[in-house]
Amino acid sequence: MLELDALRGIAAVSVMIFHYSINENAGKLGWEFRYGVTGVDLFFMISGFVITLSIQKIKKWQDFAVFRFARLYPTFWACVLITTLAILFYEPASLSVSQFLANLTMFPVYFGIENIDQVYWTLLVEMVFYLWILAVWLAGGMRHIVTIGFLFLVGVVFFHALGHHYPTVYHFLTLKVQFLNHFPLFYTGILFYQLKFRSFSWRYLALICVGMVAAFYLHDKGGRSMYHTSVIEHDLLIAFYHLLFLMFVFGKLSFLVNPTLLFLGKISYSLYLLHQYVGLHLIATFNETLGLNIYVAEFLTVGIIVLLSYLVTVFVEDPAISRIKNWYRAREHRQVEEPDAARTALP
């Protein structure tokens, strides 16, 4: 599914351009790419699709846990380390050992500690989705994932609609469990999986529309888009992302498959994790300290971030995924062989 890799690349670059063109940089550039903030919406839809696909292949929950760990944590730790080094260079007094250690968990918010890079907030949203779909799998509910997801979607909408009746609980949950603010996007990703790999169904299409409308409704209920886009702008972009997925399902998105987008998709995880804190401080260094033109500063920064992301992907992400999976499969193979050997040894 190379189209999804291309979409990942587009999403990551959109978020990067957004961060590099807002606030003080907007005045220097003379423009800002506000719409890039919605790149995370596209990421959430992709996750809904891909995780539904991958969880179909597991035999036990440990398979899912190990493979997700291999995919996420080694790369995340490498990027946290790089960002930490940047913080120690630029703002050493702003980082404590406890903050660094808490960030290694990927959910420092549960310890009352801030992320060292604000883009990390989406990782916790993804993590809660993994737990949600794993719970569905453990309950034997994957055959009914569409119905379960719909019921959960209805619950999420009512939770937000009635939030004024329990403001303390509502504020706490929307802050600590931001998955509740973005579930419709994961759900439509699940539905697009059904549409592509199960069968064509008007029911799926209707539910996709329902999920999309729910995402419209949640525009101002959480996330970052509400601070940078109007309701109409955000809704149109969400609708556009759903159109892209519909084209993908029906094999009409192959025009996105090219070496550049596939490369960006390949490094998208590292690119997303590294681009904000490190990138913004590099831009400031090139532009304000060295006096380079803002466009030159941003061009150099993008090049450095892409290179760093590529190095992390090649020397950390790929080897870690391969080695952890190989270790786990070898371990599972030994566990199967040992009982067989014991039975063979019986008189």
C-alpha atoms as a PDB file:
ATOM      1  CA  MET A   1       0.000   0.000   0.000  1.00  0.00           C
ATOM      2  CA  LEU A   2       2.466   2.571  -1.227  1.00  0.00           C
ATOM      3  CA  GLU A   3      -0.266   5.191  -1.430  1.00  0.00           C
ATOM      4  CA  LEU A   4      -0.471   5.270   2.360  1.00  0.00           C
ATOM      5  CA  ASP A   5       3.289   5.774   2.607  1.00  0.00           C
ATOM      6  CA  ALA A   6       2.918   8.737   0.261  1.00  0.00           C
ATOM      7  CA  LEU A   7       0.086  10.129   2.397  1.00  0.00           C
ATOM      8  CA  ARG A   8       2.275   9.776   5.485  1.00  0.00           C
ATOM      9  CA  GLY A   9       4.932  11.823   3.760  1.00  0.00           C
ATOM     10  CA  ILE A  10       2.416  14.499   2.822  1.00  0.00           C
ATOM     11  CA  ALA A  11       1.051  14.616   6.372  1.00  0.00           C
ATOM     12  CA  ALA A  12       4.502  14.935   7.959  1.00  0.00           C
ATOM     13  CA  VAL A  13       5.648  17.656   5.570  1.00  0.00           C
ATOM     14  CA  SER A  14       2.364  19.534   6.029  1.00  0.00           C
ATOM     15  CA  VAL A  15       2.843  19.629   9.788  1.00  0.00           C
ATOM     16  CA  MET A  16       6.474  20.685   9.376  1.00  0.00           C
ATOM     17  CA  ILE A  17       5.631  23.563   7.017  1.00  0.00           C
ATOM     18  CA  PHE A  18       2.869  24.606   9.402  1.00  0.00           C
ATOM     19  CA  HIS A  19       5.253  24.862  12.348  1.00  0.00           C
ATOM     20  CA  TYR A  20       7.917  26.644  10.310  1.00  0.00           C
ATOM     21  CA  SER A  21       5.525  29.278   8.944  1.00  0.00           C
ATOM     22  CA  ILE A  22       3.487  30.385  11.971  1.00  0.00           C
ATOM     23  CA  ASN A  23       4.058  32.855  14.806  1.00  0.00           C
ATOM     24  CA  GLU A  24       7.127  35.072  14.340  1.00  0.00           C
ATOM     25  CA  ASN A  25       8.177  33.280  11.154  1.00  0.00           C
ATOM     26  CA  ALA A  26       4.862  34.208   9.519  1.00  0.00           C
ATOM     27  CA  GLY A  27       5.768  37.890   9.685  1.00  0.00           C
ATOM     28  CA  LYS A  28       9.202  37.255   8.204  1.00  0.00           C
ATOM     29  CA  LEU A  29       7.917  35.012   5.424  1.00  0.00           C
ATOM     30  CA  GLY A  30       4.869  37.108   4.640  1.00  0.00           C
ATOM     31  CA  TRP A  31       2.628  34.039   4.681  1.00  0.00           C
ATOM     32  CA  GLU A  32       1.695  31.084   6.850  1.00  0.00           C
ATOM     33  CA  PHE A  33       0.516  27.567   6.082  1.00  0.00           C
ATOM     34  CA  ARG A  34      -2.185  27.261   8.744  1.00  0.00           C
ATOM     35  CA  TYR A  35      -3.803  24.274   7.074  1.00  0.00           C
ATOM     36  CA  GLY A  36      -0.779  22.089   7.774  1.00  0.00           C
ATOM     37  CA  VAL A  37      -1.982  21.704  11.353  1.00  0.00           C
ATOM     38  CA  THR A  38      -4.565  19.225  10.041  1.00  0.00           C
ATOM     39  CA  GLY A  39      -1.835  16.837   8.921  1.00  0.00           C
ATOM     40  CA  VAL A  40      -2.334  15.042  12.234  1.00  0.00           C
ATOM     41  CA  ASP A  41      -5.937  14.323  11.212  1.00  0.00           C
ATOM     42  CA  LEU A  42      -4.607  12.473   8.192  1.00  0.00           C
ATOM     43  CA  PHE A  43      -2.176  10.572  10.433  1.00  0.00           C
ATOM     44  CA  PHE A  44      -5.060   9.446  12.659  1.00  0.00           C
ATOM     45  CA  MET A  45      -7.054   8.181   9.668  1.00  0.00           C
ATOM     46  CA  ILE A  46      -4.031   6.282   8.376  1.00  0.00           C
ATOM     47  CA  SER A  47      -3.557   4.696  11.807  1.00  0.00           C
ATOM     48  CA  GLY A  48      -7.188   3.604  11.934  1.00  0.00           C
ATOM     49  CA  PHE A  49      -6.716   1.823   8.611  1.00  0.00           C
ATOM     50  CA  VAL A  50      -3.245   0.349   9.183  1.00  0.00           C
ATOM     51  CA  ILE A  51      -3.757  -0.825  12.766  1.00  0.00           C
ATOM     52  CA  THR A  52      -6.996  -2.554  11.801  1.00  0.00           C
ATOM     53  CA  LEU A  53      -5.039  -4.353   9.097  1.00  0.00           C
ATOM     54  CA  SER A  54      -2.135  -5.323  11.351  1.00  0.00           C
ATOM     55  CA  ILE A  55      -4.212  -6.560  14.281  1.00  0.00           C
ATOM     56  CA  GLN A  56      -5.928  -9.067  11.995  1.00  0.00           C
ATOM     57  CA  LYS A  57      -2.592 -10.866  11.669  1.00  0.00           C
ATOM     58  CA  ILE A  58      -1.812 -11.468  15.337  1.00  0.00           C
ATOM     59  CA  LYS A  59      -2.385 -14.698  17.244  1.00  0.00           C
ATOM     60  CA  LYS A  60      -2.048 -13.289  20.755  1.00  0.00           C
ATOM     61  CA  TRP A  61      -1.951  -9.863  22.333  1.00  0.00           C
ATOM     62  CA  GLN A  62       1.801 -10.077  22.924  1.00  0.00           C
ATOM     63  CA  ASP A  63       2.347 -10.088  19.153  1.00  0.00           C
ATOM     64  CA  PHE A  64       0.635  -6.726  18.864  1.00  0.00           C
ATOM     65  CA  ALA A  65       2.390  -5.261  21.909  1.00  0.00           C
ATOM     66  CA  VAL A  66       5.881  -6.305  20.798  1.00  0.00           C
ATOM     67  CA  PHE A  67       5.443  -5.201  17.191  1.00  0.00           C
ATOM     68  CA  ARG A  68       4.018  -1.811  18.233  1.00  0.00           C
ATOM     69  CA  PHE A  69       6.864  -1.374  20.720  1.00  0.00           C
ATOM     70  CA  ALA A  70       9.403  -2.175  18.009  1.00  0.00           C
ATOM     71  CA  ARG A  71       7.796   0.308  15.649  1.00  0.00           C
ATOM     72  CA  LEU A  72       7.455   3.167  18.103  1.00  0.00           C
ATOM     73  CA  TYR A  73       9.827   3.194  21.039  1.00  0.00           C
ATOM     74  CA  PRO A  74      13.419   2.808  19.757  1.00  0.00           C
ATOM     75  CA  THR A  75      12.901   5.595  17.224  1.00  0.00           C
ATOM     76  CA  PHE A  76      11.081   7.701  19.782  1.00  0.00           C
ATOM     77  CA  TRP A  77      13.912   7.310  22.296  1.00  0.00           C
ATOM     78  CA  ALA A  78      16.485   8.282  19.681  1.00  0.00           C
ATOM     79  CA  CYS A  79      14.510  11.406  18.804  1.00  0.00           C
ATOM     80  CA  VAL A  80      13.971  12.280  22.473  1.00  0.00           C
ATOM     81  CA  LEU A  81      17.734  12.031  22.967  1.00  0.00           C
ATOM     82  CA  ILE A  82      18.432  14.297  19.988  1.00  0.00           C
ATOM     83  CA  THR A  83      15.848  16.825  21.163  1.00  0.00           C
ATOM     84  CA  THR A  84      17.268  16.663  24.686  1.00  0.00           C
ATOM     85  CA  LEU A  85      20.736  17.477  23.362  1.00  0.00           C
ATOM     86  CA  ALA A  86      19.237  20.452  21.522  1.00  0.00           C
ATOM     87  CA  ILE A  87      17.504  21.638  24.704  1.00  0.00           C
ATOM     88  CA  LEU A  88      20.737  21.300  26.685  1.00  0.00           C
ATOM     89  CA  PHE A  89      22.433  23.459  24.060  1.00  0.00           C
ATOM     90  CA  TYR A  90      19.762  26.134  23.735  1.00  0.00           C
ATOM     91  CA  GLU A  91      17.909  26.120  27.071  1.00  0.00           C
ATOM     92  CA  PRO A  92      19.741  23.903  29.591  1.00  0.00           C
ATOM     93  CA  ALA A  93      17.901  25.330  32.597  1.00  0.00           C
ATOM     94  CA  SER A  94      14.499  24.364  31.169  1.00  0.00           C
ATOM     95  CA  LEU A  95      15.038  20.594  31.361  1.00  0.00           C
ATOM     96  CA  SER A  96      15.181  18.389  34.440  1.00  0.00           C
ATOM     97  CA  VAL A  97      16.187  14.760  34.777  1.00  0.00           C
ATOM     98  CA  SER A  98      12.659  13.849  35.858  1.00  0.00           C
ATOM     99  CA  GLN A  99      11.190  15.516  32.764  1.00  0.00           C
ATOM    100  CA  PHE A 100      13.611  13.652  30.519  1.00  0.00           C
ATOM    101  CA  LEU A 101      12.839  10.297  32.153  1.00  0.00           C
ATOM    102  CA  ALA A 102       9.088  10.900  32.115  1.00  0.00           C
ATOM    103  CA  ASN A 103       9.240  11.745  28.414  1.00  0.00           C
ATOM    104  CA  LEU A 104      10.859   8.396  27.660  1.00  0.00           C
ATOM    105  CA  THR A 105       7.566   6.737  28.630  1.00  0.00           C
ATOM    106  CA  MET A 106       5.725   8.604  25.847  1.00  0.00           C
ATOM    107  CA  PHE A 107       3.017   9.669  28.313  1.00  0.00           C
ATOM    108  CA  PRO A 108       4.602  12.201  30.706  1.00  0.00           C
ATOM    109  CA  VAL A 109       1.247  13.960  31.007  1.00  0.00           C
ATOM    110  CA  TYR A 110       0.148  11.171  33.343  1.00  0.00           C
ATOM    111  CA  PHE A 111       2.990  12.155  35.659  1.00  0.00           C
ATOM    112  CA  GLY A 112       2.000  15.802  35.531  1.00  0.00           C
ATOM    113  CA  ILE A 113       5.030  16.598  33.360  1.00  0.00           C
ATOM    114  CA  GLU A 114       5.099  18.389  30.010  1.00  0.00           C
ATOM    115  CA  ASN A 115       6.399  16.944  26.748  1.00  0.00           C
ATOM    116  CA  ILE A 116       9.854  18.236  25.870  1.00  0.00           C
ATOM    117  CA  ASP A 117       8.549  18.684  22.324  1.00  0.00           C
ATOM    118  CA  GLN A 118       4.912  19.639  21.894  1.00  0.00           C
ATOM    119  CA  VAL A 119       4.381  17.395  18.856  1.00  0.00           C
ATOM    120  CA  TYR A 120       4.540  14.367  21.155  1.00  0.00           C
ATOM    121  CA  TRP A 121       0.904  14.916  22.195  1.00  0.00           C
ATOM    122  CA  THR A 122      -0.339  12.886  19.218  1.00  0.00           C
ATOM    123  CA  LEU A 123       1.636   9.819  20.298  1.00  0.00           C
ATOM    124  CA  LEU A 124      -0.498   9.424  23.406  1.00  0.00           C
ATOM    125  CA  VAL A 125      -3.624   9.711  21.265  1.00  0.00           C
ATOM    126  CA  GLU A 126      -2.279   6.908  19.078  1.00  0.00           C
ATOM    127  CA  MET A 127      -1.323   4.821  22.114  1.00  0.00           C
ATOM    128  CA  VAL A 128      -4.833   5.003  23.560  1.00  0.00           C
ATOM    129  CA  PHE A 129      -6.238   3.954  20.186  1.00  0.00           C
ATOM    130  CA  TYR A 130      -3.942   0.913  20.224  1.00  0.00           C
ATOM    131  CA  LEU A 131      -5.259  -0.013  23.669  1.00  0.00           C
ATOM    132  CA  TRP A 132      -8.835   0.516  22.508  1.00  0.00           C
ATOM    133  CA  ILE A 133      -8.565  -1.733  19.449  1.00  0.00           C
ATOM    134  CA  LEU A 134      -6.549  -4.324  21.404  1.00  0.00           C
ATOM    135  CA  ALA A 135      -9.359  -4.421  23.975  1.00  0.00           C
ATOM    136  CA  VAL A 136     -11.831  -5.033  21.148  1.00  0.00           C
ATOM    137  CA  TRP A 137      -9.613  -7.849  19.836  1.00  0.00           C
ATOM    138  CA  LEU A 138      -9.227  -9.415  23.287  1.00  0.00           C
ATOM    139  CA  ALA A 139     -12.992  -9.371  23.715  1.00  0.00           C
ATOM    140  CA  GLY A 140     -13.349 -11.213  20.403  1.00  0.00           C
ATOM    141  CA  GLY A 141     -15.058  -8.209  18.889  1.00  0.00           C
ATOM    142  CA  MET A 142     -13.115  -7.679  15.667  1.00  0.00           C
ATOM    143  CA  ARG A 143     -15.909  -9.283  13.640  1.00  0.00           C
ATOM    144  CA  HIS A 144     -18.152  -6.567  15.015  1.00  0.00           C
ATOM    145  CA  ILE A 145     -15.617  -3.732  14.977  1.00  0.00           C
ATOM    146  CA  VAL A 146     -17.851  -1.566  12.787  1.00  0.00           C
ATOM    147  CA  THR A 147     -20.783  -1.805  15.194  1.00  0.00           C
ATOM    148  CA  ILE A 148     -18.608  -1.463  18.296  1.00  0.00           C
ATOM    149  CA  GLY A 149     -16.901   1.550  16.776  1.00  0.00           C
ATOM    150  CA  PHE A 150     -20.233   3.132  15.891  1.00  0.00           C
ATOM    151  CA  LEU A 151     -21.562   2.703  19.424  1.00  0.00           C
ATOM    152  CA  PHE A 152     -18.350   4.169  20.807  1.00  0.00           C
ATOM    153  CA  LEU A 153     -18.636   7.050  18.334  1.00  0.00           C
ATOM    154  CA  VAL A 154     -22.154   7.811  19.531  1.00  0.00           C
ATOM    155  CA  GLY A 155     -20.884   7.707  23.106  1.00  0.00           C
ATOM    156  CA  VAL A 156     -18.063  10.115  22.269  1.00  0.00           C
ATOM    157  CA  VAL A 157     -20.447  12.592  20.625  1.00  0.00           C
ATOM    158  CA  PHE A 158     -22.818  12.504  23.593  1.00  0.00           C
ATOM    159  CA  PHE A 159     -19.880  12.814  25.986  1.00  0.00           C
ATOM    160  CA  HIS A 160     -18.912  16.079  24.292  1.00  0.00           C
ATOM    161  CA  ALA A 161     -22.455  17.327  23.778  1.00  0.00           C
ATOM    162  CA  LEU A 162     -23.319  16.887  27.456  1.00  0.00           C
ATOM    163  CA  GLY A 163     -19.954  17.995  28.796  1.00  0.00           C
ATOM    164  CA  HIS A 164     -21.409  21.141  30.350  1.00  0.00           C
ATOM    165  CA  HIS A 165     -23.248  18.929  32.851  1.00  0.00           C
ATOM    166  CA  TYR A 166     -19.969  17.586  34.276  1.00  0.00           C
ATOM    167  CA  PRO A 167     -17.373  20.291  33.511  1.00  0.00           C
ATOM    168  CA  THR A 168     -14.689  19.012  35.893  1.00  0.00           C
ATOM    169  CA  VAL A 169     -14.787  15.448  34.575  1.00  0.00           C
ATOM    170  CA  TYR A 170     -15.140  16.691  31.002  1.00  0.00           C
ATOM    171  CA  HIS A 171     -12.127  18.982  31.230  1.00  0.00           C
ATOM    172  CA  PHE A 172     -10.036  16.262  32.870  1.00  0.00           C
ATOM    173  CA  LEU A 173     -10.856  13.574  30.294  1.00  0.00           C
ATOM    174  CA  THR A 174     -10.528  15.795  27.222  1.00  0.00           C
ATOM    175  CA  LEU A 175      -7.110  16.856  28.486  1.00  0.00           C
ATOM    176  CA  LYS A 176      -5.814  13.492  29.681  1.00  0.00           C
ATOM    177  CA  VAL A 177      -7.533  11.222  27.126  1.00  0.00           C
ATOM    178  CA  GLN A 178      -7.416  13.289  23.937  1.00  0.00           C
ATOM    179  CA  PHE A 179      -8.271  10.156  21.980  1.00  0.00           C
ATOM    180  CA  LEU A 180     -11.872  11.086  22.811  1.00  0.00           C
ATOM    181  CA  ASN A 181     -11.449  14.267  20.771  1.00  0.00           C
ATOM    182  CA  HIS A 182     -10.219  12.442  17.669  1.00  0.00           C
ATOM    183  CA  PHE A 183     -11.906   9.032  17.650  1.00  0.00           C
ATOM    184  CA  PRO A 184     -14.078   9.755  14.560  1.00  0.00           C
ATOM    185  CA  LEU A 185     -10.947   9.929  12.395  1.00  0.00           C
ATOM    186  CA  PHE A 186      -9.675   6.560  13.628  1.00  0.00           C
ATOM    187  CA  TYR A 187     -13.139   5.126  13.091  1.00  0.00           C
ATOM    188  CA  THR A 188     -13.385   6.245   9.478  1.00  0.00           C
ATOM    189  CA  GLY A 189      -9.924   4.755   8.930  1.00  0.00           C
ATOM    190  CA  ILE A 190     -11.330   1.456  10.228  1.00  0.00           C
ATOM    191  CA  LEU A 191     -14.294   1.790   7.874  1.00  0.00           C
ATOM    192  CA  PHE A 192     -12.060   2.445   4.873  1.00  0.00           C
ATOM    193  CA  TYR A 193     -10.213  -0.779   5.743  1.00  0.00           C
ATOM    194  CA  GLN A 194     -13.534  -2.642   5.669  1.00  0.00           C
ATOM    195  CA  LEU A 195     -14.404  -1.033   2.365  1.00  0.00           C
ATOM    196  CA  LYS A 196     -11.098  -2.018   0.767  1.00  0.00           C
ATOM    197  CA  PHE A 197     -10.549  -5.517   2.138  1.00  0.00           C
ATOM    198  CA  ARG A 198     -13.968  -6.822   3.138  1.00  0.00           C
ATOM    199  CA  SER A 199     -16.559  -5.795   0.610  1.00  0.00           C
ATOM    200  CA  PHE A 200     -18.173  -2.763  -0.915  1.00  0.00           C
ATOM    201  CA  SER A 201     -21.116  -1.676   1.174  1.00  0.00           C
ATOM    202  CA  TRP A 202     -23.327   1.392   1.135  1.00  0.00           C
ATOM    203  CA  ARG A 203     -23.540   0.880   4.881  1.00  0.00           C
ATOM    204  CA  TYR A 204     -19.808   1.482   5.199  1.00  0.00           C
ATOM    205  CA  LEU A 205     -20.064   4.594   3.046  1.00  0.00           C
ATOM    206  CA  ALA A 206     -22.955   5.892   5.131  1.00  0.00           C
ATOM    207  CA  LEU A 207     -21.027   5.279   8.351  1.00  0.00           C
ATOM    208  CA  ILE A 208     -17.981   7.020   6.890  1.00  0.00           C
ATOM    209  CA  CYS A 209     -20.182  10.058   6.319  1.00  0.00           C
ATOM    210  CA  VAL A 210     -21.457   9.807   9.896  1.00  0.00           C
ATOM    211  CA  GLY A 211     -17.892   9.580  11.226  1.00  0.00           C
ATOM    212  CA  MET A 212     -16.826  12.518   9.072  1.00  0.00           C
ATOM    213  CA  VAL A 213     -19.706  14.661  10.365  1.00  0.00           C
ATOM    214  CA  ALA A 214     -18.750  13.678  13.925  1.00  0.00           C
ATOM    215  CA  ALA A 215     -15.205  14.867  13.182  1.00  0.00           C
ATOM    216  CA  PHE A 216     -16.696  18.153  11.936  1.00  0.00           C
ATOM    217  CA  TYR A 217     -18.572  18.509  15.208  1.00  0.00           C
ATOM    218  CA  LEU A 218     -15.443  17.938  17.290  1.00  0.00           C
ATOM    219  CA  HIS A 219     -13.530  20.782  15.609  1.00  0.00           C
ATOM    220  CA  ASP A 220     -13.583  22.959  18.719  1.00  0.00           C
ATOM    221  CA  LYS A 221     -13.610  20.154  21.280  1.00  0.00           C
ATOM    222  CA  GLY A 222      -9.874  19.459  21.366  1.00  0.00           C
ATOM    223  CA  GLY A 223      -6.717  19.187  19.332  1.00  0.00           C
ATOM    224  CA  ARG A 224      -4.806  22.056  17.738  1.00  0.00           C
ATOM    225  CA  SER A 225      -6.738  22.780  14.546  1.00  0.00           C
ATOM    226  CA  MET A 226      -9.338  24.938  16.285  1.00  0.00           C
ATOM    227  CA  TYR A 227      -6.626  27.493  17.093  1.00  0.00           C
ATOM    228  CA  HIS A 228      -5.455  27.882  13.504  1.00  0.00           C
ATOM    229  CA  THR A 229      -8.387  27.128  11.203  1.00  0.00           C
ATOM    230  CA  SER A 230     -12.036  28.093  11.081  1.00  0.00           C
ATOM    231  CA  VAL A 231     -14.746  25.460  11.363  1.00  0.00           C
ATOM    232  CA  ILE A 232     -15.377  25.636   7.612  1.00  0.00           C
ATOM    233  CA  GLU A 233     -11.688  25.381   6.728  1.00  0.00           C
ATOM    234  CA  HIS A 234     -11.136  22.422   9.024  1.00  0.00           C
ATOM    235  CA  ASP A 235     -14.275  20.639   7.839  1.00  0.00           C
ATOM    236  CA  LEU A 236     -13.327  21.076   4.185  1.00  0.00           C
ATOM    237  CA  LEU A 237      -9.867  19.643   4.834  1.00  0.00           C
ATOM    238  CA  ILE A 238     -11.282  16.673   6.740  1.00  0.00           C
ATOM    239  CA  ALA A 239     -13.676  16.064   3.839  1.00  0.00           C
ATOM    240  CA  PHE A 240     -10.730  16.287   1.427  1.00  0.00           C
ATOM    241  CA  TYR A 241      -8.778  13.681   3.409  1.00  0.00           C
ATOM    242  CA  HIS A 242     -11.778  11.374   3.281  1.00  0.00           C
ATOM    243  CA  LEU A 243     -11.961  11.898  -0.478  1.00  0.00           C
ATOM    244  CA  LEU A 244      -8.285  10.915  -0.755  1.00  0.00           C
ATOM    245  CA  PHE A 245      -8.999   7.729   1.197  1.00  0.00           C
ATOM    246  CA  LEU A 246     -11.971   6.950  -1.006  1.00  0.00           C
ATOM    247  CA  MET A 247      -9.733   7.320  -4.051  1.00  0.00           C
ATOM    248  CA  PHE A 248      -7.191   5.027  -2.385  1.00  0.00           C
ATOM    249  CA  VAL A 249      -9.822   2.367  -1.687  1.00  0.00           C
ATOM    250  CA  PHE A 250     -10.838   2.348  -5.344  1.00  0.00           C
ATOM    251  CA  GLY A 251      -7.270   2.369  -6.663  1.00  0.00           C
ATOM    252  CA  LYS A 252      -7.292   5.960  -7.889  1.00  0.00           C
ATOM    253  CA  LEU A 253      -4.454   7.357  -5.780  1.00  0.00           C
ATOM    254  CA  SER A 254      -1.495   5.753  -7.531  1.00  0.00           C
ATOM    255  CA  PHE A 255      -0.462   9.131  -8.958  1.00  0.00           C
ATOM    256  CA  LEU A 256       0.937   9.952  -5.503  1.00  0.00           C
ATOM    257  CA  VAL A 257       3.348   7.030  -5.625  1.00  0.00           C
ATOM    258  CA  ASN A 258       6.679   8.590  -6.535  1.00  0.00           C
ATOM    259  CA  PRO A 259      10.199   8.330  -5.065  1.00  0.00           C
ATOM    260  CA  THR A 260      10.031  11.675  -3.269  1.00  0.00           C
ATOM    261  CA  LEU A 261       6.780  11.041  -1.401  1.00  0.00           C
ATOM    262  CA  LEU A 262       7.748   7.439  -0.658  1.00  0.00           C
ATOM    263  CA  PHE A 263      11.045   8.638   0.806  1.00  0.00           C
ATOM    264  CA  LEU A 264       9.241  11.216   2.940  1.00  0.00           C
ATOM    265  CA  GLY A 265       6.766   8.552   4.002  1.00  0.00           C
ATOM    266  CA  LYS A 266       9.620   6.268   4.964  1.00  0.00           C
ATOM    267  CA  ILE A 267      11.169   8.868   7.271  1.00  0.00           C
ATOM    268  CA  SER A 268       7.856  10.441   8.353  1.00  0.00           C
ATOM    269  CA  TYR A 269       7.922   9.165  11.940  1.00  0.00           C
ATOM    270  CA  SER A 270      11.376  10.555  12.676  1.00  0.00           C
ATOM    271  CA  LEU A 271      10.622  13.692  10.675  1.00  0.00           C
ATOM    272  CA  TYR A 272       7.518  14.337  12.729  1.00  0.00           C
ATOM    273  CA  LEU A 273       9.321  13.793  16.038  1.00  0.00           C
ATOM    274  CA  LEU A 274      12.378  15.899  15.217  1.00  0.00           C
ATOM    275  CA  HIS A 275      11.117  18.814  13.188  1.00  0.00           C
ATOM    276  CA  GLN A 276       9.594  21.150  15.773  1.00  0.00           C
ATOM    277  CA  TYR A 277      11.924  21.967  18.664  1.00  0.00           C
ATOM    278  CA  VAL A 278      15.162  21.209  16.841  1.00  0.00           C
ATOM    279  CA  GLY A 279      13.969  22.769  13.602  1.00  0.00           C
ATOM    280  CA  LEU A 280      12.601  26.000  15.053  1.00  0.00           C
ATOM    281  CA  HIS A 281      15.796  26.621  17.002  1.00  0.00           C
ATOM    282  CA  LEU A 282      17.897  25.945  13.918  1.00  0.00           C
ATOM    283  CA  ILE A 283      15.823  28.465  11.961  1.00  0.00           C
ATOM    284  CA  ALA A 284      16.340  31.043  14.705  1.00  0.00           C
ATOM    285  CA  THR A 285      20.079  30.346  14.763  1.00  0.00           C
ATOM    286  CA  PHE A 286      20.481  30.685  11.005  1.00  0.00           C
ATOM    287  CA  ASN A 287      18.175  33.690  10.690  1.00  0.00           C
ATOM    288  CA  GLU A 288      18.702  35.701  13.872  1.00  0.00           C
ATOM    289  CA  THR A 289      22.184  34.704  15.042  1.00  0.00           C
ATOM    290  CA  LEU A 290      23.904  34.252  11.683  1.00  0.00           C
ATOM    291  CA  GLY A 291      21.766  36.818   9.856  1.00  0.00           C
ATOM    292  CA  LEU A 292      20.740  34.575   6.973  1.00  0.00           C
ATOM    293  CA  ASN A 293      17.627  35.305   4.949  1.00  0.00           C
ATOM    294  CA  ILE A 294      14.577  33.556   6.438  1.00  0.00           C
ATOM    295  CA  TYR A 295      14.062  31.475   3.292  1.00  0.00           C
ATOM    296  CA  VAL A 296      17.696  30.353   3.332  1.00  0.00           C
ATOM    297  CA  ALA A 297      17.395  29.581   7.051  1.00  0.00           C
ATOM    298  CA  GLU A 298      14.302  27.464   6.513  1.00  0.00           C
ATOM    299  CA  PHE A 299      15.758  25.703   3.477  1.00  0.00           C
ATOM    300  CA  LEU A 300      18.889  24.746   5.429  1.00  0.00           C
ATOM    301  CA  THR A 301      16.805  23.637   8.398  1.00  0.00           C
ATOM    302  CA  VAL A 302      14.562  21.425   6.297  1.00  0.00           C
ATOM    303  CA  GLY A 303      17.647  19.817   4.779  1.00  0.00           C
ATOM    304  CA  ILE A 304      19.184  19.140   8.194  1.00  0.00           C
ATOM    305  CA  ILE A 305      15.945  17.753   9.647  1.00  0.00           C
ATOM    306  CA  VAL A 306      15.398  15.496   6.635  1.00  0.00           C
ATOM    307  CA  LEU A 307      18.986  14.235   6.913  1.00  0.00           C
ATOM    308  CA  LEU A 308      18.652  13.605  10.661  1.00  0.00           C
ATOM    309  CA  SER A 309      15.355  11.820  10.101  1.00  0.00           C
ATOM    310  CA  TYR A 310      16.896   9.649   7.409  1.00  0.00           C
ATOM    311  CA  LEU A 311      19.820   8.718   9.667  1.00  0.00           C
ATOM    312  CA  VAL A 312      17.499   7.811  12.546  1.00  0.00           C
ATOM    313  CA  THR A 313      15.345   5.750  10.189  1.00  0.00           C
ATOM    314  CA  VAL A 314      18.277   3.868   8.686  1.00  0.00           C
ATOM    315  CA  PHE A 315      20.416   3.394  11.791  1.00  0.00           C
ATOM    316  CA  VAL A 316      17.776   3.113  14.521  1.00  0.00           C
ATOM    317  CA  GLU A 317      14.251   2.481  13.284  1.00  0.00           C
ATOM    318  CA  ASP A 318      14.849  -0.176  10.629  1.00  0.00           C
ATOM    319  CA  PRO A 319      17.459  -2.197  12.583  1.00  0.00           C
ATOM    320  CA  ALA A 320      15.439  -2.010  15.814  1.00  0.00           C
ATOM    321  CA  ILE A 321      12.249  -3.231  14.154  1.00  0.00           C
ATOM    322  CA  SER A 322      14.108  -6.060  12.441  1.00  0.00           C
ATOM    323  CA  ARG A 323      16.048  -7.189  15.512  1.00  0.00           C
ATOM    324  CA  ILE A 324      13.147  -7.015  17.948  1.00  0.00           C
ATOM    325  CA  LYS A 325      10.847  -8.900  15.595  1.00  0.00           C
ATOM    326  CA  ASN A 326      13.495 -11.530  14.876  1.00  0.00           C
ATOM    327  CA  TRP A 327      14.191 -11.926  18.607  1.00  0.00           C
ATOM    328  CA  TYR A 328      10.502 -12.283  19.361  1.00  0.00           C
ATOM    329  CA  ARG A 329       9.864 -14.790  16.564  1.00  0.00           C
ATOM    330  CA  ALA A 330      12.882 -16.866  17.609  1.00  0.00           C
ATOM    331  CA  ARG A 331      11.628 -16.818  21.189  1.00  0.00           C
ATOM    332  CA  GLU A 332       8.177 -17.936  20.097  1.00  0.00           C
ATOM    333  CA  HIS A 333       9.704 -20.667  17.948  1.00  0.00           C
ATOM    334  CA  ARG A 334      11.729 -21.985  20.894  1.00  0.00           C
ATOM    335  CA  GLN A 335       8.646 -22.027  23.103  1.00  0.00           C
ATOM    336  CA  VAL A 336       6.856 -24.155  20.510  1.00  0.00           C
ATOM    337  CA  GLU A 337       9.806 -26.508  20.055  1.00  0.00           C
ATOM    338  CA  GLU A 338      10.449 -27.135  23.761  1.00  0.00           C
ATOM    339  CA  PRO A 339       7.060 -28.742  24.547  1.00  0.00           C
ATOM    340  CA  ASP A 340       7.356 -30.821  21.365  1.00  0.00           C
ATOM    341  CA  ALA A 341      10.803 -32.021  22.433  1.00  0.00           C
ATOM    342  CA  ALA A 342       9.500 -32.866  25.901  1.00  0.00           C
ATOM    343  CA  ARG A 343       6.655 -34.910  24.454  1.00  0.00           C
ATOM    344  CA  THR A 344       9.081 -36.728  22.150  1.00  0.00           C
ATOM    345  CA  ALA A 345      11.270 -37.650  25.133  1.00  0.00           C
ATOM    346  CA  LEU A 346       8.412 -39.299  27.014  1.00  0.00           C
ATOM    347  CA  PRO A 347       8.608 -43.130  27.145  1.00  0.00           C
END
